[in-house]
Amino acid sequence: GWLLVDEYYIGGNARESMSTLGRELEKQSFQYRKMQLEVVIITPMSRLIDWTARLIPTERISCEYEAKTGRVTLSIRKRGRKGTREVSYDSLPYRRYYWTNERINA
């Protein structure tokens, strides 16, 4: 199973060294492993995850967008393994599904 947490919608704050969300995730991490639950934390700032959830992440995915070509590149690094895997795809076919003003008008 999956637990998807979006930092933007829950009001996470990067300036808090250990937010209530981070403390709760830390307490429940054993349960997540026991249930084989994948925890996904979506954040615009990768250091937020370093600050709030130090022991939980098993995979780090960073995303880059190239405006000229419209390609999105994902760099995936698994915890405890060397090297990264890169996945690249063309974002133009998916663009019609996104509303660019979502943050402003939500």
C-alpha atoms as a PDB file:
ATOM      1  CA  GLY A   1       0.000   0.000   0.000  1.00  0.00           C
ATOM      2  CA  TRP A   2       0.865   3.657  -0.287  1.00  0.00           C
ATOM      3  CA  LEU A   3       0.661   6.647   2.046  1.00  0.00           C
ATOM      4  CA  LEU A   4       0.880   9.864   0.022  1.00  0.00           C
ATOM      5  CA  VAL A   5       1.638  13.060   1.963  1.00  0.00           C
ATOM      6  CA  ASP A   6       1.730  16.428   0.150  1.00  0.00           C
ATOM      7  CA  GLU A   7       3.595  19.055   2.159  1.00  0.00           C
ATOM      8  CA  TYR A   8       1.870  21.944   0.358  1.00  0.00           C
ATOM      9  CA  TYR A   9      -1.653  20.877   1.272  1.00  0.00           C
ATOM     10  CA  ILE A  10      -0.921  19.979   4.902  1.00  0.00           C
ATOM     11  CA  GLY A  11       0.849  23.276   5.568  1.00  0.00           C
ATOM     12  CA  GLY A  12       4.323  21.957   6.335  1.00  0.00           C
ATOM     13  CA  ASN A  13       6.971  24.499   7.253  1.00  0.00           C
ATOM     14  CA  ALA A  14      10.598  24.052   6.190  1.00  0.00           C
ATOM     15  CA  ARG A  15      11.814  26.263   9.042  1.00  0.00           C
ATOM     16  CA  GLU A  16      10.610  23.858  11.706  1.00  0.00           C
ATOM     17  CA  SER A  17      13.445  21.480  12.521  1.00  0.00           C
ATOM     18  CA  MET A  18      11.093  18.663  13.517  1.00  0.00           C
ATOM     19  CA  SER A  19       7.464  19.357  12.700  1.00  0.00           C
ATOM     20  CA  THR A  20       4.550  17.463  14.203  1.00  0.00           C
ATOM     21  CA  LEU A  21       4.232  15.586  10.913  1.00  0.00           C
ATOM     22  CA  GLY A  22       7.890  14.534  11.091  1.00  0.00           C
ATOM     23  CA  ARG A  23       7.559  13.399  14.689  1.00  0.00           C
ATOM     24  CA  GLU A  24       4.441  11.376  13.908  1.00  0.00           C
ATOM     25  CA  LEU A  25       6.028   9.740  10.855  1.00  0.00           C
ATOM     26  CA  GLU A  26       9.052   8.886  12.982  1.00  0.00           C
ATOM     27  CA  LYS A  27       6.873   7.220  15.636  1.00  0.00           C
ATOM     28  CA  GLN A  28       4.921   5.217  13.080  1.00  0.00           C
ATOM     29  CA  SER A  29       7.883   4.170  10.904  1.00  0.00           C
ATOM     30  CA  PHE A  30       7.992   0.674  12.427  1.00  0.00           C
ATOM     31  CA  GLN A  31       4.318   0.166  11.546  1.00  0.00           C
ATOM     32  CA  TYR A  32       4.951   1.304   7.968  1.00  0.00           C
ATOM     33  CA  ARG A  33       7.741  -1.233   7.582  1.00  0.00           C
ATOM     34  CA  LYS A  34       5.700  -4.005   9.198  1.00  0.00           C
ATOM     35  CA  MET A  35       2.769  -3.364   6.835  1.00  0.00           C
ATOM     36  CA  GLN A  36       5.180  -2.876   3.900  1.00  0.00           C
ATOM     37  CA  LEU A  37       3.639   0.535   3.332  1.00  0.00           C
ATOM     38  CA  GLU A  38       5.364   2.922   0.935  1.00  0.00           C
ATOM     39  CA  VAL A  39       5.392   6.472   2.333  1.00  0.00           C
ATOM     40  CA  VAL A  40       5.650   9.179  -0.325  1.00  0.00           C
ATOM     41  CA  ILE A  41       6.298  12.756   0.791  1.00  0.00           C
ATOM     42  CA  ILE A  42       5.863  15.374  -1.932  1.00  0.00           C
ATOM     43  CA  THR A  43       7.683  18.624  -1.242  1.00  0.00           C
ATOM     44  CA  PRO A  44       9.058  21.499  -3.327  1.00  0.00           C
ATOM     45  CA  MET A  45      12.144  21.637  -1.090  1.00  0.00           C
ATOM     46  CA  SER A  46      14.125  18.424  -0.735  1.00  0.00           C
ATOM     47  CA  ARG A  47      15.850  19.597   2.450  1.00  0.00           C
ATOM     48  CA  LEU A  48      12.453  19.620   4.185  1.00  0.00           C
ATOM     49  CA  ILE A  49      12.498  15.828   4.087  1.00  0.00           C
ATOM     50  CA  ASP A  50      16.040  15.785   5.497  1.00  0.00           C
ATOM     51  CA  TRP A  51      14.895  17.945   8.397  1.00  0.00           C
ATOM     52  CA  THR A  52      11.551  16.356   9.216  1.00  0.00           C
ATOM     53  CA  ALA A  53      11.925  12.680   8.348  1.00  0.00           C
ATOM     54  CA  ARG A  54      15.516  11.566   8.796  1.00  0.00           C
ATOM     55  CA  LEU A  55      15.088   7.819   9.235  1.00  0.00           C
ATOM     56  CA  ILE A  56      12.087   7.065   7.041  1.00  0.00           C
ATOM     57  CA  PRO A  57      13.172   7.683   3.411  1.00  0.00           C
ATOM     58  CA  THR A  58      14.221   4.584   1.490  1.00  0.00           C
ATOM     59  CA  GLU A  59      14.228   6.286  -1.886  1.00  0.00           C
ATOM     60  CA  ARG A  60      15.055   9.833  -2.941  1.00  0.00           C
ATOM     61  CA  ILE A  61      13.627  11.147  -6.199  1.00  0.00           C
ATOM     62  CA  SER A  62      14.619  14.558  -7.503  1.00  0.00           C
ATOM     63  CA  CYS A  63      12.914  16.106 -10.491  1.00  0.00           C
ATOM     64  CA  GLU A  64      14.306  18.490 -13.112  1.00  0.00           C
ATOM     65  CA  TYR A  65      12.426  20.207 -15.914  1.00  0.00           C
ATOM     66  CA  GLU A  66      14.117  21.491 -19.060  1.00  0.00           C
ATOM     67  CA  ALA A  67      12.041  24.307 -20.544  1.00  0.00           C
ATOM     68  CA  LYS A  68      13.572  24.222 -24.042  1.00  0.00           C
ATOM     69  CA  THR A  69      12.812  20.580 -24.779  1.00  0.00           C
ATOM     70  CA  GLY A  70       9.918  20.052 -22.365  1.00  0.00           C
ATOM     71  CA  ARG A  71      11.582  16.977 -20.870  1.00  0.00           C
ATOM     72  CA  VAL A  72      11.297  15.921 -17.245  1.00  0.00           C
ATOM     73  CA  THR A  73      14.189  13.983 -15.713  1.00  0.00           C
ATOM     74  CA  LEU A  74      13.811  11.993 -12.500  1.00  0.00           C
ATOM     75  CA  SER A  75      16.918  10.957 -10.568  1.00  0.00           C
ATOM     76  CA  ILE A  76      16.121   7.990  -8.323  1.00  0.00           C
ATOM     77  CA  ARG A  77      18.484   6.871  -5.569  1.00  0.00           C
ATOM     78  CA  LYS A  78      17.667   3.974  -3.253  1.00  0.00           C
ATOM     79  CA  ARG A  79      18.850   4.053   0.340  1.00  0.00           C
ATOM     80  CA  GLY A  80      21.866   1.867   1.002  1.00  0.00           C
ATOM     81  CA  ARG A  81      22.730   1.468  -2.680  1.00  0.00           C
ATOM     82  CA  LYS A  82      25.321   3.287  -4.729  1.00  0.00           C
ATOM     83  CA  GLY A  83      24.489   5.145  -7.887  1.00  0.00           C
ATOM     84  CA  THR A  84      21.339   6.715  -9.223  1.00  0.00           C
ATOM     85  CA  ARG A  85      18.880   5.701 -11.887  1.00  0.00           C
ATOM     86  CA  GLU A  86      17.616   8.377 -14.267  1.00  0.00           C
ATOM     87  CA  VAL A  87      14.253   8.279 -15.978  1.00  0.00           C
ATOM     88  CA  SER A  88      13.453  10.903 -18.583  1.00  0.00           C
ATOM     89  CA  TYR A  89      10.212  11.541 -20.420  1.00  0.00           C
ATOM     90  CA  ASP A  90       8.578  14.145 -22.636  1.00  0.00           C
ATOM     91  CA  SER A  91       6.066  16.221 -20.661  1.00  0.00           C
ATOM     92  CA  LEU A  92       4.285  17.816 -23.620  1.00  0.00           C
ATOM     93  CA  PRO A  93       1.632  15.066 -24.085  1.00  0.00           C
ATOM     94  CA  TYR A  94       0.666  15.366 -20.391  1.00  0.00           C
ATOM     95  CA  ARG A  95       0.570  19.147 -20.245  1.00  0.00           C
ATOM     96  CA  ARG A  96      -3.119  19.395 -21.141  1.00  0.00           C
ATOM     97  CA  TYR A  97      -4.017  17.621 -17.871  1.00  0.00           C
ATOM     98  CA  TYR A  98      -2.372  20.274 -15.667  1.00  0.00           C
ATOM     99  CA  TRP A  99      -3.856  23.568 -14.629  1.00  0.00           C
ATOM    100  CA  THR A 100      -0.922  25.932 -14.218  1.00  0.00           C
ATOM    101  CA  ASN A 101      -2.785  28.354 -11.916  1.00  0.00           C
ATOM    102  CA  GLU A 102      -3.773  25.608  -9.468  1.00  0.00           C
ATOM    103  CA  ARG A 103      -1.769  27.030  -6.558  1.00  0.00           C
ATOM    104  CA  ILE A 104      -3.104  30.546  -7.018  1.00  0.00           C
ATOM    105  CA  ASN A 105      -6.771  29.670  -7.417  1.00  0.00           C
ATOM    106  CA  ALA A 106      -7.025  26.607  -5.181  1.00  0.00           C
END
